Amino acid sequence: MQHHGLRTRILGAVILVALAVIFLPMLLNHRPENTAPLAELTERPASPPVQFSKIVVPAALSSENLSANTASTNVPSNKMDTMTVTWILQVASFSQAVNAQKLVTELQKLSFPAYVSHSTETNKPPIYRVYVGPYTRQEQATDVQKQLQKQAKLSGQIVQYNPLQP
């Protein structure tokens, strides 16, 4: 019987020590000086700045010109919405806006619908990408890619065009 009573006392002591280890630091710990209670917080912290890309599309690419090409491929983006897939040629990327604009001017003189997409990321230098297009069919983009190679000695990369993503 003594053995059972001793075991109960030891178990009780262990439980009391465990509770003391858990709760005593919380009761005795003072609030650090650099933290303010929630009631003192009156202003909402400022949100980080959001940067958007600027896409300059030539006037020749009006919705009338794009709707003249009736053949298009629809790909569902979700169950409620569908979006027409269009294609563009990424011709070059530059770190200087002047160089990108020179290439755009040269391509427009050759009758290519060229434009510059300016994108920046936080803490990174800006990138100026030169595009030709958009085209409603991938075959059109492939044909223009061949013409671009012949006339301007440039080989562009065909990519899907999404006006919402730079």
N, C-alpha and C. Protein backbone atom coordinates (compact mmCIF):
# COMPACT_ATOMS: atom_id res chain seq x y z
N MET A 1 0.80 -1.19 0.00
CA MET A 1 0.00 0.00 0.00
C MET A 1 0.85 1.26 0.00
N GLN A 2 1.96 1.19 0.69
CA GLN A 2 2.82 2.35 0.70
C GLN A 2 3.32 2.66 -0.70
N HIS A 3 3.53 1.62 -1.47
CA HIS A 3 4.04 1.79 -2.82
C HIS A 3 3.04 2.58 -3.68
N HIS A 4 1.73 2.29 -3.52
CA HIS A 4 0.70 2.99 -4.28
C HIS A 4 0.61 4.46 -3.87
N GLY A 5 0.72 4.78 -2.62
CA GLY A 5 0.67 6.14 -2.12
C GLY A 5 1.88 6.95 -2.57
N LEU A 6 3.04 6.32 -2.60
CA LEU A 6 4.25 7.00 -3.04
C LEU A 6 4.15 7.36 -4.53
N ARG A 7 3.63 6.44 -5.33
CA ARG A 7 3.46 6.68 -6.76
C ARG A 7 2.50 7.84 -7.01
N THR A 8 1.43 7.93 -6.27
CA THR A 8 0.45 9.00 -6.41
C THR A 8 1.08 10.34 -6.05
N ARG A 9 1.86 10.38 -4.97
CA ARG A 9 2.51 11.61 -4.57
C ARG A 9 3.52 12.09 -5.61
N ILE A 10 4.31 11.17 -6.16
CA ILE A 10 5.29 11.53 -7.19
C ILE A 10 4.58 12.05 -8.43
N LEU A 11 3.51 11.38 -8.85
CA LEU A 11 2.75 11.83 -10.01
C LEU A 11 2.16 13.22 -9.77
N GLY A 12 1.64 13.48 -8.60
CA GLY A 12 1.10 14.80 -8.27
C GLY A 12 2.19 15.87 -8.30
N ALA A 13 3.36 15.53 -7.79
CA ALA A 13 4.47 16.49 -7.79
C ALA A 13 4.92 16.81 -9.21
N VAL A 14 4.98 15.80 -10.06
CA VAL A 14 5.38 16.01 -11.45
C VAL A 14 4.37 16.92 -12.16
N ILE A 15 3.10 16.71 -11.92
CA ILE A 15 2.07 17.54 -12.55
C ILE A 15 2.17 18.98 -12.07
N LEU A 16 2.39 19.19 -10.77
CA LEU A 16 2.54 20.55 -10.24
C LEU A 16 3.77 21.24 -10.82
N VAL A 17 4.88 20.53 -10.94
CA VAL A 17 6.09 21.13 -11.51
C VAL A 17 5.84 21.50 -12.98
N ALA A 18 5.18 20.61 -13.74
CA ALA A 18 4.89 20.90 -15.15
C ALA A 18 4.01 22.13 -15.29
N LEU A 19 2.98 22.24 -14.46
CA LEU A 19 2.11 23.41 -14.50
C LEU A 19 2.86 24.67 -14.12
N ALA A 20 3.75 24.57 -13.15
CA ALA A 20 4.54 25.73 -12.74
C ALA A 20 5.47 26.17 -13.86
N VAL A 21 6.07 25.20 -14.57
CA VAL A 21 6.97 25.53 -15.68
C VAL A 21 6.20 26.23 -16.81
N ILE A 22 4.97 25.85 -17.01
CA ILE A 22 4.18 26.44 -18.10
C ILE A 22 3.63 27.81 -17.72
N PHE A 23 3.02 27.92 -16.53
CA PHE A 23 2.28 29.13 -16.20
C PHE A 23 3.08 30.20 -15.46
N LEU A 24 4.08 29.85 -14.68
CA LEU A 24 4.84 30.86 -13.95
C LEU A 24 5.54 31.86 -14.87
N PRO A 25 6.19 31.45 -15.96
CA PRO A 25 6.79 32.45 -16.84
C PRO A 25 5.77 33.43 -17.42
N MET A 26 4.58 32.94 -17.72
CA MET A 26 3.56 33.84 -18.26
C MET A 26 3.09 34.84 -17.21
N LEU A 27 2.99 34.41 -15.96
CA LEU A 27 2.54 35.30 -14.90
C LEU A 27 3.61 36.30 -14.49
N LEU A 28 4.86 35.88 -14.52
CA LEU A 28 5.94 36.74 -14.05
C LEU A 28 6.57 37.58 -15.16
N ASN A 29 6.33 37.23 -16.38
CA ASN A 29 6.94 37.93 -17.51
C ASN A 29 6.25 39.28 -17.71
N HIS A 30 7.05 40.33 -17.78
CA HIS A 30 6.50 41.65 -18.07
C HIS A 30 6.48 41.86 -19.57
N ARG A 31 5.59 42.75 -20.01
CA ARG A 31 5.48 43.06 -21.43
C ARG A 31 6.74 43.79 -21.87
N PRO A 32 7.36 43.38 -23.00
CA PRO A 32 8.54 44.10 -23.50
C PRO A 32 8.19 45.55 -23.82
N GLU A 33 9.19 46.44 -23.72
CA GLU A 33 8.95 47.87 -23.88
C GLU A 33 8.55 48.26 -25.30
N ASN A 34 9.01 47.53 -26.32
CA ASN A 34 8.76 47.93 -27.71
C ASN A 34 7.43 47.47 -28.26
N THR A 35 6.64 46.76 -27.50
CA THR A 35 5.33 46.34 -27.99
C THR A 35 4.25 47.19 -27.34
N ALA A 36 3.26 47.55 -28.13
CA ALA A 36 2.15 48.35 -27.64
C ALA A 36 0.92 47.47 -27.53
N PRO A 37 0.09 47.73 -26.54
CA PRO A 37 -1.16 46.95 -26.47
C PRO A 37 -2.04 47.26 -27.67
N LEU A 38 -2.94 46.37 -27.98
CA LEU A 38 -3.79 46.52 -29.15
C LEU A 38 -4.64 47.79 -29.09
N ALA A 39 -5.03 48.22 -27.90
CA ALA A 39 -5.87 49.41 -27.79
C ALA A 39 -5.12 50.67 -28.22
N GLU A 40 -3.77 50.67 -28.12
CA GLU A 40 -3.00 51.84 -28.50
C GLU A 40 -2.77 51.93 -30.00
N LEU A 41 -2.98 50.87 -30.74
CA LEU A 41 -2.78 50.89 -32.19
C LEU A 41 -3.98 51.57 -32.84
N THR A 42 -3.77 52.75 -33.35
CA THR A 42 -4.89 53.49 -33.95
C THR A 42 -4.77 53.57 -35.46
N GLU A 43 -3.56 53.49 -35.99
CA GLU A 43 -3.37 53.60 -37.43
C GLU A 43 -3.10 52.24 -38.04
N ARG A 44 -3.62 52.07 -39.23
CA ARG A 44 -3.36 50.85 -39.98
C ARG A 44 -1.98 50.97 -40.63
N PRO A 45 -1.17 49.91 -40.58
CA PRO A 45 0.14 50.00 -41.22
C PRO A 45 0.00 50.24 -42.72
N ALA A 46 0.97 50.95 -43.28
CA ALA A 46 0.94 51.25 -44.71
C ALA A 46 1.15 49.98 -45.52
N SER A 47 0.39 49.83 -46.62
CA SER A 47 0.58 48.68 -47.49
C SER A 47 1.78 48.90 -48.39
N PRO A 48 2.42 47.82 -48.79
CA PRO A 48 3.58 47.98 -49.67
C PRO A 48 3.14 48.54 -51.02
N PRO A 49 4.03 49.29 -51.68
CA PRO A 49 3.66 49.87 -52.98
C PRO A 49 3.48 48.77 -54.03
N VAL A 50 2.50 48.98 -54.90
CA VAL A 50 2.22 48.04 -55.98
C VAL A 50 2.65 48.70 -57.28
N GLN A 51 3.43 47.96 -58.07
CA GLN A 51 3.88 48.51 -59.35
C GLN A 51 3.23 47.73 -60.48
N PHE A 52 2.78 48.47 -61.48
CA PHE A 52 2.13 47.87 -62.63
C PHE A 52 2.99 48.09 -63.86
N SER A 53 2.83 47.21 -64.80
CA SER A 53 3.54 47.38 -66.05
C SER A 53 2.72 48.26 -66.98
N LYS A 54 3.41 48.99 -67.81
CA LYS A 54 2.74 49.85 -68.77
C LYS A 54 2.93 49.24 -70.16
N ILE A 55 1.82 48.98 -70.84
CA ILE A 55 1.88 48.44 -72.19
C ILE A 55 1.39 49.50 -73.15
N VAL A 56 2.22 49.81 -74.11
CA VAL A 56 1.86 50.81 -75.12
C VAL A 56 1.53 50.05 -76.40
N VAL A 57 0.28 50.12 -76.83
CA VAL A 57 -0.18 49.42 -78.01
C VAL A 57 -0.41 50.43 -79.12
N PRO A 58 0.15 50.20 -80.31
CA PRO A 58 -0.06 51.15 -81.40
C PRO A 58 -1.52 51.26 -81.80
N ALA A 59 -1.89 52.42 -82.35
CA ALA A 59 -3.27 52.68 -82.73
C ALA A 59 -3.74 51.73 -83.82
N ALA A 60 -2.80 51.17 -84.59
CA ALA A 60 -3.18 50.25 -85.67
C ALA A 60 -3.83 48.98 -85.13
N LEU A 61 -3.70 48.73 -83.85
CA LEU A 61 -4.26 47.52 -83.27
C LEU A 61 -5.59 47.81 -82.59
N SER A 62 -6.48 48.44 -83.28
CA SER A 62 -7.79 48.73 -82.71
C SER A 62 -8.61 47.45 -82.67
N SER A 63 -9.70 47.48 -81.93
CA SER A 63 -10.55 46.29 -81.82
C SER A 63 -11.18 45.94 -83.16
N GLU A 64 -11.36 46.94 -84.05
CA GLU A 64 -11.92 46.67 -85.37
C GLU A 64 -10.95 45.81 -86.18
N ASN A 65 -9.65 46.14 -86.12
CA ASN A 65 -8.66 45.36 -86.87
C ASN A 65 -8.57 43.93 -86.35
N LEU A 66 -8.66 43.78 -85.04
CA LEU A 66 -8.57 42.44 -84.47
C LEU A 66 -9.83 41.62 -84.75
N SER A 67 -11.00 42.26 -84.80
CA SER A 67 -12.23 41.51 -85.04
C SER A 67 -12.38 41.14 -86.51
N ALA A 68 -11.56 41.70 -87.39
CA ALA A 68 -11.62 41.34 -88.81
C ALA A 68 -11.18 39.90 -89.01
N ASN A 69 -10.31 39.41 -88.16
CA ASN A 69 -9.90 38.01 -88.23
C ASN A 69 -10.90 37.20 -87.42
N THR A 70 -11.80 36.50 -88.11
CA THR A 70 -12.90 35.84 -87.41
C THR A 70 -12.52 34.51 -86.80
N ALA A 71 -11.51 33.86 -87.32
CA ALA A 71 -11.13 32.56 -86.77
C ALA A 71 -10.38 32.77 -85.47
N SER A 72 -10.88 32.19 -84.40
CA SER A 72 -10.21 32.29 -83.11
C SER A 72 -10.41 31.00 -82.34
N THR A 73 -9.56 30.79 -81.38
CA THR A 73 -9.64 29.61 -80.54
C THR A 73 -10.04 30.04 -79.16
N ASN A 74 -11.07 29.41 -78.60
CA ASN A 74 -11.50 29.75 -77.25
C ASN A 74 -10.99 28.70 -76.28
N VAL A 75 -10.40 29.15 -75.20
CA VAL A 75 -9.92 28.28 -74.15
C VAL A 75 -10.56 28.74 -72.85
N PRO A 76 -11.27 27.84 -72.15
CA PRO A 76 -11.92 28.29 -70.92
C PRO A 76 -10.89 28.60 -69.84
N SER A 77 -10.99 29.81 -69.23
CA SER A 77 -10.11 30.15 -68.14
C SER A 77 -10.70 29.69 -66.81
N ASN A 78 -12.00 29.59 -66.74
CA ASN A 78 -12.67 28.92 -65.63
C ASN A 78 -14.07 28.55 -66.11
N LYS A 79 -14.89 28.01 -65.26
CA LYS A 79 -16.20 27.53 -65.70
C LYS A 79 -17.15 28.66 -66.11
N MET A 80 -16.94 29.85 -65.55
CA MET A 80 -17.85 30.96 -65.82
C MET A 80 -17.40 31.85 -66.97
N ASP A 81 -16.14 31.78 -67.36
CA ASP A 81 -15.60 32.77 -68.27
C ASP A 81 -14.78 32.08 -69.35
N THR A 82 -14.81 32.63 -70.57
CA THR A 82 -13.94 32.16 -71.63
C THR A 82 -13.19 33.35 -72.18
N MET A 83 -12.00 33.07 -72.71
CA MET A 83 -11.15 34.15 -73.21
C MET A 83 -10.56 33.70 -74.52
N THR A 84 -10.53 34.59 -75.51
CA THR A 84 -9.95 34.27 -76.80
C THR A 84 -8.44 34.27 -76.67
N VAL A 85 -7.82 33.21 -77.15
CA VAL A 85 -6.37 33.11 -77.10
C VAL A 85 -5.79 33.86 -78.29
N THR A 86 -4.85 34.74 -78.03
CA THR A 86 -4.14 35.45 -79.09
C THR A 86 -2.65 35.22 -78.90
N TRP A 87 -1.90 35.53 -79.95
CA TRP A 87 -0.47 35.23 -79.97
C TRP A 87 0.33 36.47 -80.31
N ILE A 88 1.52 36.60 -79.71
CA ILE A 88 2.43 37.69 -80.02
C ILE A 88 3.83 37.12 -80.19
N LEU A 89 4.68 37.91 -80.81
CA LEU A 89 6.08 37.54 -80.95
C LEU A 89 6.91 38.43 -80.04
N GLN A 90 7.64 37.82 -79.14
CA GLN A 90 8.59 38.59 -78.34
C GLN A 90 9.87 38.65 -79.14
N VAL A 91 10.24 39.86 -79.55
CA VAL A 91 11.36 40.04 -80.46
C VAL A 91 12.66 40.27 -79.71
N ALA A 92 12.62 41.13 -78.68
CA ALA A 92 13.85 41.46 -77.96
C ALA A 92 13.52 42.01 -76.59
N SER A 93 14.54 42.03 -75.72
CA SER A 93 14.44 42.64 -74.39
C SER A 93 15.63 43.57 -74.21
N PHE A 94 15.36 44.73 -73.63
CA PHE A 94 16.41 45.73 -73.44
C PHE A 94 16.37 46.27 -72.02
N SER A 95 17.51 46.74 -71.56
CA SER A 95 17.55 47.42 -70.27
C SER A 95 17.39 48.93 -70.44
N GLN A 96 17.53 49.42 -71.68
CA GLN A 96 17.40 50.84 -71.99
C GLN A 96 16.15 51.07 -72.84
N ALA A 97 15.31 52.00 -72.43
CA ALA A 97 14.08 52.30 -73.17
C ALA A 97 14.39 52.84 -74.56
N VAL A 98 15.48 53.57 -74.70
CA VAL A 98 15.85 54.17 -75.99
C VAL A 98 16.10 53.07 -77.02
N ASN A 99 16.80 52.02 -76.62
CA ASN A 99 17.09 50.93 -77.55
C ASN A 99 15.82 50.19 -77.97
N ALA A 100 14.93 49.98 -77.03
CA ALA A 100 13.66 49.32 -77.35
C ALA A 100 12.85 50.17 -78.32
N GLN A 101 12.80 51.48 -78.08
CA GLN A 101 12.02 52.37 -78.95
C GLN A 101 12.62 52.43 -80.35
N LYS A 102 13.94 52.39 -80.47
CA LYS A 102 14.58 52.37 -81.79
C LYS A 102 14.15 51.15 -82.58
N LEU A 103 14.14 49.99 -81.93
CA LEU A 103 13.73 48.76 -82.61
C LEU A 103 12.26 48.83 -83.00
N VAL A 104 11.41 49.35 -82.14
CA VAL A 104 9.98 49.48 -82.46
C VAL A 104 9.79 50.37 -83.68
N THR A 105 10.50 51.49 -83.72
CA THR A 105 10.40 52.40 -84.86
C THR A 105 10.83 51.70 -86.15
N GLU A 106 11.93 50.96 -86.07
CA GLU A 106 12.42 50.24 -87.24
C GLU A 106 11.42 49.19 -87.72
N LEU A 107 10.82 48.46 -86.78
CA LEU A 107 9.84 47.43 -87.14
C LEU A 107 8.55 48.05 -87.69
N GLN A 108 8.15 49.17 -87.14
CA GLN A 108 6.94 49.84 -87.64
C GLN A 108 7.17 50.38 -89.05
N LYS A 109 8.40 50.80 -89.36
CA LYS A 109 8.71 51.23 -90.73
C LYS A 109 8.59 50.06 -91.70
N LEU A 110 8.82 48.84 -91.21
CA LEU A 110 8.67 47.64 -92.04
C LEU A 110 7.25 47.10 -91.99
N SER A 111 6.31 47.87 -91.43
CA SER A 111 4.87 47.54 -91.34
C SER A 111 4.56 46.42 -90.36
N PHE A 112 5.40 46.20 -89.36
CA PHE A 112 5.08 45.24 -88.30
C PHE A 112 4.41 46.01 -87.16
N PRO A 113 3.31 45.46 -86.60
CA PRO A 113 2.65 46.13 -85.46
C PRO A 113 3.46 45.92 -84.17
N ALA A 114 4.52 46.67 -84.00
CA ALA A 114 5.43 46.50 -82.87
C ALA A 114 5.09 47.47 -81.75
N TYR A 115 5.37 47.06 -80.52
CA TYR A 115 5.18 47.92 -79.36
C TYR A 115 6.12 47.47 -78.24
N VAL A 116 6.23 48.33 -77.23
CA VAL A 116 7.10 48.06 -76.09
C VAL A 116 6.26 47.79 -74.86
N SER A 117 6.64 46.78 -74.10
CA SER A 117 6.03 46.52 -72.80
C SER A 117 7.09 46.80 -71.74
N HIS A 118 6.76 47.70 -70.84
CA HIS A 118 7.70 48.10 -69.79
C HIS A 118 7.28 47.45 -68.48
N SER A 119 8.12 46.61 -67.94
CA SER A 119 7.78 45.97 -66.67
C SER A 119 8.91 46.20 -65.68
N THR A 120 8.52 46.39 -64.45
CA THR A 120 9.50 46.55 -63.38
C THR A 120 9.10 45.68 -62.21
N GLU A 121 10.09 45.21 -61.53
CA GLU A 121 9.88 44.48 -60.29
C GLU A 121 10.59 45.25 -59.19
N THR A 122 10.11 45.11 -58.00
CA THR A 122 10.72 45.81 -56.88
C THR A 122 12.18 45.40 -56.75
N ASN A 123 13.03 46.37 -56.56
CA ASN A 123 14.47 46.18 -56.37
C ASN A 123 15.17 45.56 -57.57
N LYS A 124 14.59 45.67 -58.75
CA LYS A 124 15.22 45.18 -59.97
C LYS A 124 15.16 46.28 -61.02
N PRO A 125 16.14 46.32 -61.92
CA PRO A 125 16.10 47.35 -62.97
C PRO A 125 14.96 47.06 -63.96
N PRO A 126 14.44 48.09 -64.64
CA PRO A 126 13.33 47.87 -65.58
C PRO A 126 13.77 47.06 -66.79
N ILE A 127 12.81 46.35 -67.35
CA ILE A 127 13.04 45.57 -68.57
C ILE A 127 12.06 46.07 -69.61
N TYR A 128 12.57 46.36 -70.80
CA TYR A 128 11.75 46.85 -71.91
C TYR A 128 11.73 45.75 -72.96
N ARG A 129 10.55 45.13 -73.15
CA ARG A 129 10.40 44.04 -74.11
C ARG A 129 9.70 44.57 -75.36
N VAL A 130 10.21 44.15 -76.52
CA VAL A 130 9.63 44.55 -77.80
C VAL A 130 8.80 43.38 -78.31
N TYR A 131 7.54 43.66 -78.62
CA TYR A 131 6.62 42.64 -79.12
C TYR A 131 6.09 43.04 -80.49
N VAL A 132 5.68 42.04 -81.25
CA VAL A 132 4.99 42.24 -82.53
C VAL A 132 3.70 41.43 -82.43
N GLY A 133 2.59 42.06 -82.77
CA GLY A 133 1.31 41.36 -82.72
C GLY A 133 0.28 42.21 -82.01
N PRO A 134 -0.78 41.65 -81.57
CA PRO A 134 -1.17 40.26 -81.43
C PRO A 134 -1.84 39.70 -82.68
N TYR A 135 -1.91 38.38 -82.70
CA TYR A 135 -2.54 37.66 -83.82
C TYR A 135 -3.53 36.66 -83.25
N THR A 136 -4.65 36.49 -83.94
CA THR A 136 -5.70 35.63 -83.42
C THR A 136 -5.43 34.15 -83.66
N ARG A 137 -4.56 33.84 -84.60
CA ARG A 137 -4.22 32.44 -84.86
C ARG A 137 -2.71 32.26 -84.74
N GLN A 138 -2.31 31.12 -84.23
CA GLN A 138 -0.88 30.85 -84.06
C GLN A 138 -0.19 30.75 -85.42
N GLU A 139 -0.92 30.30 -86.44
CA GLU A 139 -0.35 30.22 -87.79
C GLU A 139 0.03 31.61 -88.30
N GLN A 140 -0.80 32.61 -87.99
CA GLN A 140 -0.48 33.98 -88.39
C GLN A 140 0.83 34.42 -87.73
N ALA A 141 0.97 34.13 -86.46
CA ALA A 141 2.19 34.50 -85.74
C ALA A 141 3.41 33.80 -86.33
N THR A 142 3.24 32.55 -86.75
CA THR A 142 4.34 31.80 -87.37
C THR A 142 4.73 32.43 -88.70
N ASP A 143 3.73 32.82 -89.50
CA ASP A 143 4.02 33.48 -90.78
C ASP A 143 4.75 34.81 -90.57
N VAL A 144 4.30 35.58 -89.60
CA VAL A 144 4.96 36.87 -89.31
C VAL A 144 6.37 36.63 -88.78
N GLN A 145 6.56 35.56 -88.02
CA GLN A 145 7.90 35.22 -87.51
C GLN A 145 8.86 34.98 -88.67
N LYS A 146 8.37 34.29 -89.71
CA LYS A 146 9.21 34.04 -90.90
C LYS A 146 9.51 35.34 -91.64
N GLN A 147 8.49 36.21 -91.78
CA GLN A 147 8.70 37.51 -92.43
C GLN A 147 9.69 38.36 -91.63
N LEU A 148 9.58 38.31 -90.33
CA LEU A 148 10.47 39.07 -89.46
C LEU A 148 11.92 38.60 -89.63
N GLN A 149 12.10 37.30 -89.80
CA GLN A 149 13.44 36.75 -90.00
C GLN A 149 14.01 37.21 -91.34
N LYS A 150 13.16 37.23 -92.38
CA LYS A 150 13.64 37.63 -93.71
C LYS A 150 13.92 39.14 -93.78
N GLN A 151 12.97 39.95 -93.30
CA GLN A 151 13.07 41.39 -93.49
C GLN A 151 13.97 42.09 -92.46
N ALA A 152 13.92 41.67 -91.22
CA ALA A 152 14.65 42.39 -90.17
C ALA A 152 15.78 41.57 -89.56
N LYS A 153 15.95 40.32 -90.02
CA LYS A 153 16.98 39.43 -89.49
C LYS A 153 16.82 39.21 -87.98
N LEU A 154 15.57 39.14 -87.54
CA LEU A 154 15.26 38.90 -86.13
C LEU A 154 14.42 37.65 -86.00
N SER A 155 14.73 36.83 -85.02
CA SER A 155 13.89 35.65 -84.78
C SER A 155 13.15 35.87 -83.48
N GLY A 156 11.86 36.01 -83.57
CA GLY A 156 11.05 36.24 -82.38
C GLY A 156 10.56 34.93 -81.80
N GLN A 157 10.17 34.99 -80.55
CA GLN A 157 9.61 33.83 -79.87
C GLN A 157 8.11 34.00 -79.77
N ILE A 158 7.34 33.02 -80.21
CA ILE A 158 5.87 33.09 -80.18
C ILE A 158 5.39 32.72 -78.78
N VAL A 159 4.60 33.63 -78.19
CA VAL A 159 4.04 33.38 -76.87
C VAL A 159 2.57 33.77 -76.87
N GLN A 160 1.80 33.18 -75.95
CA GLN A 160 0.41 33.56 -75.82
C GLN A 160 0.32 34.96 -75.25
N TYR A 161 -0.61 35.72 -75.76
CA TYR A 161 -0.78 37.11 -75.34
C TYR A 161 -1.92 37.19 -74.35
N ASN A 162 -1.62 37.74 -73.19
CA ASN A 162 -2.65 38.01 -72.18
C ASN A 162 -2.51 39.49 -71.81
N PRO A 163 -3.46 40.32 -72.19
CA PRO A 163 -3.34 41.76 -71.93
C PRO A 163 -3.34 42.09 -70.43
N LEU A 164 -3.74 41.17 -69.58
CA LEU A 164 -3.78 41.44 -68.14
C LEU A 164 -2.45 41.13 -67.48
N GLN A 165 -1.57 40.39 -68.16
CA GLN A 165 -0.26 40.08 -67.60
C GLN A 165 0.82 40.66 -68.48
N PRO A 166 1.72 41.43 -67.90
CA PRO A 166 2.80 42.02 -68.70
C PRO A 166 3.82 41.00 -69.13
